[in-house]
Amino acid sequence: MDIYSIFQQTKRQRTSDGEIVPILDVCDRSKKLLVIICPQLGDFDSLEYAWWLQRAQKELEANGVTVRMVGIGDRSSGQKFCEFTKFPAEWLFVDQRAELHSQLNLYPGLSVKLPRFSAAQNAWVNLILMCAGIGSPGTLGEVFRGYKGDQSAPQLIAAAEIVNAKPLPPIAGSFFDVAGGSGFQRPFELATLRLRNMAEVLGNWATYVPDPTYLTQRGGTFLFDAQGVLLYEHRDRGILGFAANMSQPLSFLEKGLIIDN
């Protein structure tokens, strides 16, 4: 079965109303379709991806793109996720046991199994190893990029914006101007946003991650034309690897598929 057909036949709980409906329900079939399959909704990748999609929401809508996201968690996870990220709840569906991820053969993450450890305990061990770059290519480099800055990435925080990233005090966006300039991703800018995400998740861990069994599961991105033909796909191979180009995670939309720059 092709990927589009899988999505057509998949039903999951919709965050906005709790109904179990097809994930392509109420999709305008005359538009292109962008389907994001996320890891745990409390995962760095899920929160960061939603942030990028929010930045581009008006542009996506103006260019006739329907967006659907499926993440691991329950409805409470989805509601908390949407509350924090402002991602539209009617676009988000939850998959409590990562069954769609398995059906799509997405990378389940490192799978070291220690004797006498439960599935959840082994997931924690594997997550820690992946955060150290084991079984998770590119993760450490991406972590360091968040601290050192990136001239090829856009500026992420406006000068007048205030970022609350506990345990740090509130930080004005103009701080990063002083630290590194403007018009590109400055040193510590992305790391600060990731710290904000981490504080949010750790402060609401049980809500975001009701079942830690699937902590290592990775996601994927699938773009279709109005006829259901697959135009682009990316399958995550590690933590902080939700895009082929992490400096410009949505750059695949600029290659003549949707957005003309």
Protein backbone atom coordinates (compact mmCIF):
# COMPACT_ATOMS: atom_id res chain seq x y z
CA MET A 1 0.00 0.00 0.00
CA ASP A 2 1.36 3.43 -0.91
CA ILE A 3 1.85 6.12 1.73
CA TYR A 4 -1.07 8.29 0.63
CA SER A 5 -3.44 5.32 0.81
CA ILE A 6 -2.21 4.59 4.33
CA PHE A 7 -3.07 8.14 5.36
CA GLN A 8 -6.47 7.92 3.66
CA GLN A 9 -7.36 4.83 5.69
CA THR A 10 -5.92 5.98 9.03
CA LYS A 11 -8.23 7.16 11.80
CA ARG A 12 -6.93 8.79 14.97
CA GLN A 13 -8.26 10.99 17.75
CA ARG A 14 -8.44 14.65 16.78
CA THR A 15 -7.20 17.02 19.45
CA SER A 16 -9.77 19.74 18.88
CA ASP A 17 -12.90 17.71 19.66
CA GLY A 18 -11.70 14.26 20.78
CA GLU A 19 -13.41 12.55 17.84
CA ILE A 20 -11.79 9.54 16.18
CA VAL A 21 -11.89 10.41 12.50
CA PRO A 22 -9.76 9.95 9.36
CA ILE A 23 -6.65 12.08 9.64
CA LEU A 24 -7.45 13.48 6.19
CA ASP A 25 -10.98 14.38 7.28
CA VAL A 26 -12.19 17.74 5.92
CA CYS A 27 -9.11 18.10 3.73
CA ASP A 28 -9.56 20.15 0.56
CA ARG A 29 -8.60 17.64 -2.13
CA SER A 30 -7.79 20.48 -4.54
CA LYS A 31 -4.83 21.53 -2.40
CA LYS A 32 -1.41 20.11 -1.71
CA LEU A 33 -1.13 18.12 1.51
CA LEU A 34 1.68 18.25 4.05
CA VAL A 35 1.57 15.43 6.63
CA ILE A 36 3.96 15.60 9.58
CA ILE A 37 4.40 12.43 11.65
CA CYS A 38 5.99 13.50 14.93
CA PRO A 39 7.68 11.65 17.77
CA GLN A 40 6.30 12.13 21.30
CA LEU A 41 4.51 15.46 21.53
CA GLY A 42 6.92 16.33 24.34
CA ASP A 43 9.94 15.67 22.10
CA PHE A 44 12.29 18.49 21.10
CA ASP A 45 11.61 17.75 17.43
CA SER A 46 7.82 17.98 17.73
CA LEU A 47 7.83 21.32 19.54
CA GLU A 48 10.47 22.81 17.28
CA TYR A 49 8.76 21.62 14.09
CA ALA A 50 5.46 23.13 15.22
CA TRP A 51 7.26 26.43 15.87
CA TRP A 52 8.57 26.51 12.29
CA LEU A 53 5.16 25.65 10.88
CA GLN A 54 3.61 28.47 12.88
CA ARG A 55 6.14 30.92 11.43
CA ALA A 56 5.07 29.82 7.95
CA GLN A 57 1.35 29.31 8.59
CA LYS A 58 0.11 32.32 6.62
CA GLU A 59 2.41 31.51 3.73
CA LEU A 60 1.30 27.88 3.69
CA GLU A 61 -2.37 28.87 3.67
CA ALA A 62 -1.80 31.49 0.97
CA ASN A 63 -0.15 28.85 -1.22
CA GLY A 64 -2.98 26.35 -0.76
CA VAL A 65 -1.33 23.80 1.50
CA THR A 66 -3.33 21.65 3.90
CA VAL A 67 -1.34 20.62 7.00
CA ARG A 68 -1.96 17.59 9.20
CA MET A 69 0.19 16.40 12.10
CA VAL A 70 0.14 13.12 14.02
CA GLY A 71 2.10 12.87 17.27
CA ILE A 72 2.58 10.27 19.98
CA GLY A 73 0.50 10.94 23.09
CA ASP A 74 -3.13 11.21 24.18
CA ARG A 75 -5.64 14.01 23.79
CA SER A 76 -4.37 15.78 26.93
CA SER A 77 -0.88 15.73 25.39
CA GLY A 78 -2.29 17.22 22.22
CA GLN A 79 -4.19 19.95 24.04
CA LYS A 80 -1.12 20.95 26.05
CA PHE A 81 1.01 20.89 22.90
CA CYS A 82 -1.39 23.18 21.04
CA GLU A 83 -1.73 25.50 24.02
CA PHE A 84 2.02 26.00 24.14
CA THR A 85 2.90 26.03 20.44
CA LYS A 86 -0.34 27.66 19.18
CA PHE A 87 -0.51 24.88 16.59
CA PRO A 88 -4.15 24.51 15.40
CA ALA A 89 -5.82 21.74 17.41
CA GLU A 90 -8.00 20.74 14.45
CA TRP A 91 -4.82 19.88 12.49
CA LEU A 92 -3.35 17.64 15.20
CA PHE A 93 -4.12 13.96 15.78
CA VAL A 94 -2.72 11.69 18.48
CA ASP A 95 -1.42 8.13 18.22
CA GLN A 96 -0.96 6.65 21.68
CA ARG A 97 1.06 3.59 20.64
CA ALA A 98 2.97 4.88 17.60
CA GLU A 99 1.09 2.42 15.38
CA LEU A 100 1.13 4.73 12.35
CA HIS A 101 4.87 5.25 12.79
CA SER A 102 5.35 1.48 12.68
CA GLN A 103 3.11 1.10 9.64
CA LEU A 104 5.19 3.70 7.80
CA ASN A 105 8.44 1.98 8.85
CA LEU A 106 9.75 5.11 10.52
CA TYR A 107 12.95 4.79 12.56
CA PRO A 108 12.05 3.50 16.03
CA GLY A 109 15.32 4.75 17.49
CA LEU A 110 18.04 2.87 19.28
CA SER A 111 16.77 -0.44 20.62
CA VAL A 112 19.29 -1.68 23.19
CA LYS A 113 17.51 -4.05 25.58
CA LEU A 114 18.94 -4.52 29.03
CA PRO A 115 17.90 -7.60 30.99
CA ARG A 116 15.32 -7.09 33.74
CA PHE A 117 14.49 -3.62 32.41
CA SER A 118 10.91 -2.81 31.43
CA ALA A 119 10.12 -1.43 27.98
CA ALA A 120 9.84 2.07 29.47
CA GLN A 121 13.16 1.75 31.34
CA ASN A 122 14.92 0.55 28.20
CA ALA A 123 13.41 3.48 26.30
CA TRP A 124 15.00 5.87 28.80
CA VAL A 125 18.40 4.17 28.42
CA ASN A 126 18.17 4.35 24.64
CA LEU A 127 17.04 7.99 24.73
CA ILE A 128 20.05 8.97 26.82
CA LEU A 129 22.37 7.16 24.41
CA MET A 130 20.72 8.85 21.43
CA CYS A 131 21.12 12.26 23.06
CA ALA A 132 24.84 11.42 23.18
CA GLY A 133 24.76 10.75 19.44
CA ILE A 134 24.68 6.95 19.59
CA GLY A 135 22.21 5.61 17.05
CA SER A 136 21.24 9.21 16.34
CA PRO A 137 23.42 10.69 13.58
CA GLY A 138 23.76 14.46 13.52
CA THR A 139 22.34 15.07 16.99
CA LEU A 140 25.48 16.41 18.65
CA GLY A 141 26.29 18.66 15.72
CA GLU A 142 22.78 20.07 15.81
CA VAL A 143 23.05 20.71 19.56
CA PHE A 144 26.30 22.61 19.04
CA ARG A 145 24.77 24.62 16.17
CA GLY A 146 22.16 25.86 18.61
CA TYR A 147 24.90 27.37 20.76
CA LYS A 148 27.37 28.64 18.18
CA GLY A 149 24.84 30.22 15.80
CA ASP A 150 24.37 29.74 12.08
CA GLN A 151 24.93 32.35 9.37
CA SER A 152 22.85 30.29 6.91
CA ALA A 153 19.77 30.23 9.16
CA PRO A 154 17.28 33.08 9.66
CA GLN A 155 17.02 35.20 12.78
CA LEU A 156 14.71 33.39 15.20
CA ILE A 157 13.87 35.97 17.88
CA ALA A 158 12.78 39.52 17.12
CA ALA A 159 14.53 42.36 18.96
CA ALA A 160 11.35 43.34 20.85
CA GLU A 161 10.41 39.75 21.76
CA ILE A 162 10.80 38.52 25.33
CA VAL A 163 11.75 34.86 25.79
CA ASN A 164 10.99 33.10 29.07
CA ALA A 165 13.32 30.12 29.30
CA LYS A 166 13.59 28.97 32.88
CA PRO A 167 15.83 28.86 34.86
CA LEU A 168 17.16 31.89 32.99
CA PRO A 169 15.58 35.29 33.62
CA PRO A 170 13.40 36.74 30.82
CA ILE A 171 15.61 37.54 27.83
CA ALA A 172 14.88 40.31 25.32
CA GLY A 173 15.57 39.52 21.68
CA SER A 174 17.81 42.58 21.52
CA PHE A 175 20.27 40.71 23.76
CA PHE A 176 21.18 38.50 20.81
CA ASP A 177 21.77 41.58 18.65
CA VAL A 178 24.44 42.64 21.11
CA ALA A 179 25.86 39.14 21.32
CA GLY A 180 26.12 38.45 17.62
CA GLY A 181 24.35 40.91 15.31
CA SER A 182 21.06 40.48 13.47
CA GLY A 183 19.51 38.97 10.36
CA PHE A 184 20.74 35.43 11.01
CA GLN A 185 20.68 32.82 13.78
CA ARG A 186 22.87 34.31 16.50
CA PRO A 187 24.95 32.39 19.10
CA PHE A 188 22.75 30.85 21.83
CA GLU A 189 19.55 31.98 20.08
CA LEU A 190 18.31 28.51 19.09
CA ALA A 191 19.63 26.99 22.32
CA THR A 192 17.50 29.47 24.26
CA LEU A 193 14.35 28.46 22.39
CA ARG A 194 15.18 24.81 23.03
CA LEU A 195 15.67 25.54 26.71
CA ARG A 196 12.22 27.14 26.76
CA ASN A 197 10.78 23.98 25.19
CA MET A 198 12.58 21.76 27.68
CA ALA A 199 11.30 23.76 30.64
CA GLU A 200 7.76 23.48 29.28
CA VAL A 201 7.95 19.72 28.84
CA LEU A 202 9.71 18.92 32.12
CA GLY A 203 7.19 21.06 33.98
CA ASN A 204 4.32 19.08 32.42
CA TRP A 205 6.02 15.73 31.81
CA ALA A 206 3.16 13.39 32.69
CA THR A 207 0.85 15.28 30.35
CA TYR A 208 3.21 15.40 27.39
CA VAL A 209 4.51 11.84 27.80
CA PRO A 210 1.81 9.60 29.31
CA ASP A 211 3.69 6.48 28.15
CA PRO A 212 7.52 6.67 27.89
CA THR A 213 7.73 3.39 25.94
CA TYR A 214 8.01 5.32 22.67
CA LEU A 215 10.55 7.96 23.71
CA THR A 216 13.02 7.04 20.98
CA GLN A 217 10.55 6.79 18.09
CA ARG A 218 11.33 9.21 15.25
CA GLY A 219 8.99 10.79 12.72
CA GLY A 220 8.76 11.83 9.09
CA THR A 221 7.53 14.46 6.64
CA PHE A 222 5.40 13.73 3.56
CA LEU A 223 4.26 16.23 0.93
CA PHE A 224 1.65 15.31 -1.70
CA ASP A 225 0.15 17.12 -4.66
CA ALA A 226 -3.61 17.52 -5.08
CA GLN A 227 -3.81 14.08 -6.75
CA GLY A 228 -2.08 12.30 -3.86
CA VAL A 229 1.27 11.92 -5.64
CA LEU A 230 4.21 11.99 -3.24
CA LEU A 231 6.36 15.05 -3.99
CA TYR A 232 8.75 14.88 -1.06
CA GLU A 233 9.52 12.79 1.99
CA HIS A 234 11.98 12.93 4.85
CA ARG A 235 12.44 10.17 7.41
CA ASP A 236 14.08 11.26 10.64
CA ARG A 237 17.22 9.34 11.58
CA GLY A 238 17.93 10.90 14.94
CA ILE A 239 17.00 13.42 17.61
CA LEU A 240 16.96 16.99 16.25
CA GLY A 241 16.90 15.59 12.74
CA PHE A 242 13.33 16.32 11.69
CA ALA A 243 14.49 18.06 8.50
CA ALA A 244 17.09 17.42 5.83
CA ASN A 245 18.25 21.02 6.29
CA MET A 246 17.95 22.01 9.94
CA SER A 247 19.13 25.55 9.18
CA GLN A 248 16.03 25.97 7.00
CA PRO A 249 13.68 23.13 8.00
CA LEU A 250 10.96 24.12 5.51
CA SER A 251 13.32 24.75 2.59
CA PHE A 252 11.88 21.71 0.78
CA LEU A 253 8.78 23.85 0.17
CA GLU A 254 10.81 26.35 -1.86
CA LYS A 255 12.01 23.94 -4.55
CA GLY A 256 9.25 24.83 -6.97
CA LEU A 257 6.76 22.69 -5.05
CA ILE A 258 4.84 25.38 -3.22
CA ILE A 259 6.58 28.61 -2.46
CA ASP A 260 8.37 30.72 -5.07
CA ASN A 261 11.00 33.01 -3.55
